C-alpha atoms as a PDB file:
ATOM      1  CA  MET A   1       0.000   0.000   0.000  1.00  0.00           C
ATOM      2  CA  ALA A   2       2.858   2.373   0.782  1.00  0.00           C
ATOM      3  CA  GLU A   3       4.215   1.884  -2.731  1.00  0.00           C
ATOM      4  CA  LEU A   4       0.871   2.915  -4.217  1.00  0.00           C
ATOM      5  CA  LEU A   5       0.789   6.001  -2.018  1.00  0.00           C
ATOM      6  CA  ARG A   6       4.297   6.941  -3.076  1.00  0.00           C
ATOM      7  CA  GLY A   7       3.421   6.610  -6.743  1.00  0.00           C
ATOM      8  CA  LYS A   8       0.116   8.463  -6.478  1.00  0.00           C
ATOM      9  CA  THR A   9       1.549  11.341  -4.466  1.00  0.00           C
ATOM     10  CA  ASN A  10       4.513  11.689  -6.812  1.00  0.00           C
ATOM     11  CA  ARG A  11       2.103  11.985  -9.704  1.00  0.00           C
ATOM     12  CA  LEU A  12       0.180  14.656  -7.791  1.00  0.00           C
ATOM     13  CA  LYS A  13       3.413  16.572  -7.192  1.00  0.00           C
ATOM     14  CA  GLY A  14       3.603  17.099 -10.949  1.00  0.00           C
ATOM     15  CA  LEU A  15       0.345  19.094 -11.051  1.00  0.00           C
ATOM     16  CA  PRO A  16       1.917  22.538 -10.466  1.00  0.00           C
ATOM     17  CA  ASN A  17       4.107  21.946 -13.502  1.00  0.00           C
ATOM     18  CA  ASP A  18       1.083  20.967 -15.614  1.00  0.00           C
ATOM     19  CA  ILE A  19      -0.754  24.109 -14.515  1.00  0.00           C
ATOM     20  CA  MET A  20       2.249  26.316 -15.226  1.00  0.00           C
ATOM     21  CA  LEU A  21       2.657  24.872 -18.714  1.00  0.00           C
ATOM     22  CA  VAL A  22      -0.994  25.486 -19.597  1.00  0.00           C
ATOM     23  CA  MET A  23      -0.861  29.059 -18.285  1.00  0.00           C
ATOM     24  CA  SER A  24       2.475  30.021 -19.841  1.00  0.00           C
ATOM     25  CA  ASN A  25       2.466  32.173 -22.961  1.00  0.00           C
ATOM     26  CA  LEU A  26      -1.197  33.142 -22.622  1.00  0.00           C
ATOM     27  CA  PRO A  27      -1.964  36.517 -24.214  1.00  0.00           C
ATOM     28  CA  SER A  28      -3.283  39.180 -21.866  1.00  0.00           C
ATOM     29  CA  GLY A  29      -6.984  38.761 -21.178  1.00  0.00           C
ATOM     30  CA  TYR A  30      -7.134  35.324 -22.806  1.00  0.00           C
ATOM     31  CA  HIS A  31      -8.345  32.633 -20.455  1.00  0.00           C
ATOM     32  CA  ARG A  32     -10.237  29.988 -22.439  1.00  0.00           C
ATOM     33  CA  GLU A  33      -7.361  27.535 -22.280  1.00  0.00           C
ATOM     34  CA  MET A  34      -7.624  27.472 -18.500  1.00  0.00           C
ATOM     35  CA  GLN A  35     -10.688  25.220 -18.842  1.00  0.00           C
ATOM     36  CA  ILE A  36      -8.207  22.488 -19.749  1.00  0.00           C
ATOM     37  CA  LEU A  37      -7.083  22.577 -16.120  1.00  0.00           C
ATOM     38  CA  LYS A  38     -10.400  21.057 -15.052  1.00  0.00           C
ATOM     39  CA  GLU A  39      -9.349  17.809 -16.735  1.00  0.00           C
ATOM     40  CA  VAL A  40      -6.324  17.691 -14.446  1.00  0.00           C
ATOM     41  CA  LEU A  41      -7.547  19.315 -11.231  1.00  0.00           C
ATOM     42  CA  MET A  42     -10.918  17.642 -10.670  1.00  0.00           C
ATOM     43  CA  PRO A  43      -9.552  14.079 -10.711  1.00  0.00           C
ATOM     44  CA  ALA A  44      -6.661  15.278  -8.523  1.00  0.00           C
ATOM     45  CA  PHE A  45      -9.066  16.121  -5.686  1.00  0.00           C
ATOM     46  CA  ASP A  46     -10.464  12.583  -5.831  1.00  0.00           C
ATOM     47  CA  GLU A  47      -6.933  11.207  -5.914  1.00  0.00           C
ATOM     48  CA  ILE A  48      -5.934  13.214  -2.825  1.00  0.00           C
ATOM     49  CA  LEU A  49      -8.983  11.955  -0.934  1.00  0.00           C
ATOM     50  CA  SER A  50      -8.155   8.417  -2.018  1.00  0.00           C
ATOM     51  CA  CYS A  51      -4.592   8.826  -0.745  1.00  0.00           C
ATOM     52  CA  LEU A  52      -5.856  10.140   2.576  1.00  0.00           C
ATOM     53  CA  ASP A  53      -8.228   7.174   2.925  1.00  0.00           C
ATOM     54  CA  MET A  54      -5.422   4.758   2.115  1.00  0.00           C
ATOM     55  CA  THR A  55      -3.126   6.454   4.629  1.00  0.00           C
ATOM     56  CA  HIS A  56      -5.774   6.324   7.338  1.00  0.00           C
ATOM     57  CA  PHE A  57      -6.431   2.636   6.653  1.00  0.00           C
ATOM     58  CA  MET A  58      -2.733   1.810   6.634  1.00  0.00           C
ATOM     59  CA  LEU A  59      -1.895   3.703   9.821  1.00  0.00           C
ATOM     60  CA  SER A  60      -4.959   2.585  11.763  1.00  0.00           C
ATOM     61  CA  GLY A  61      -3.540  -0.922  12.063  1.00  0.00           C
ATOM     62  CA  ILE A  62       0.109  -0.078  12.520  1.00  0.00           C
ATOM     63  CA  GLN A  63       1.838  -1.384  15.619  1.00  0.00           C
ATOM     64  CA  VAL A  64       5.254  -0.214  16.725  1.00  0.00           C
ATOM     65  CA  LYS A  65       7.373  -2.976  18.180  1.00  0.00           C
ATOM     66  CA  GLU A  66       9.073  -1.629  21.289  1.00  0.00           C
ATOM     67  CA  GLY A  67      12.802  -2.158  21.548  1.00  0.00           C
ATOM     68  CA  ILE A  68      13.189  -3.199  17.915  1.00  0.00           C
ATOM     69  CA  LEU A  69      16.320  -1.084  17.540  1.00  0.00           C
ATOM     70  CA  ASP A  70      17.996  -2.939  20.396  1.00  0.00           C
ATOM     71  CA  ASP A  71      18.615  -5.846  18.010  1.00  0.00           C
ATOM     72  CA  SER A  72      22.282  -6.038  16.987  1.00  0.00           C
ATOM     73  CA  LYS A  73      21.429  -6.037  13.279  1.00  0.00           C
ATOM     74  CA  TYR A  74      20.529  -2.335  13.619  1.00  0.00           C
ATOM     75  CA  ASP A  75      23.867  -1.330  15.197  1.00  0.00           C
ATOM     76  CA  LEU A  76      25.222   0.142  11.970  1.00  0.00           C
ATOM     77  CA  LEU A  77      22.050   2.112  11.323  1.00  0.00           C
ATOM     78  CA  PHE A  78      23.037   5.031  13.562  1.00  0.00           C
ATOM     79  CA  ARG A  79      26.770   5.265  12.911  1.00  0.00           C
END
């Protein structure tokens, strides 16, 4: 599940670039091309809500094992 979240959120991080590319080089007062942004933004809201639901589901069952870092195999982790 974490891999899906990583992939989905990375795709969402590309939205500002998509918006900037649509809005670049627009003549003054011209705005009709901005309707193209609806194709990108509206599904993005659903995707964000989906990611939040997945995160809530994933973290609701998480259990932290106390003392896990006391195991010798983690000795090199903090050097």
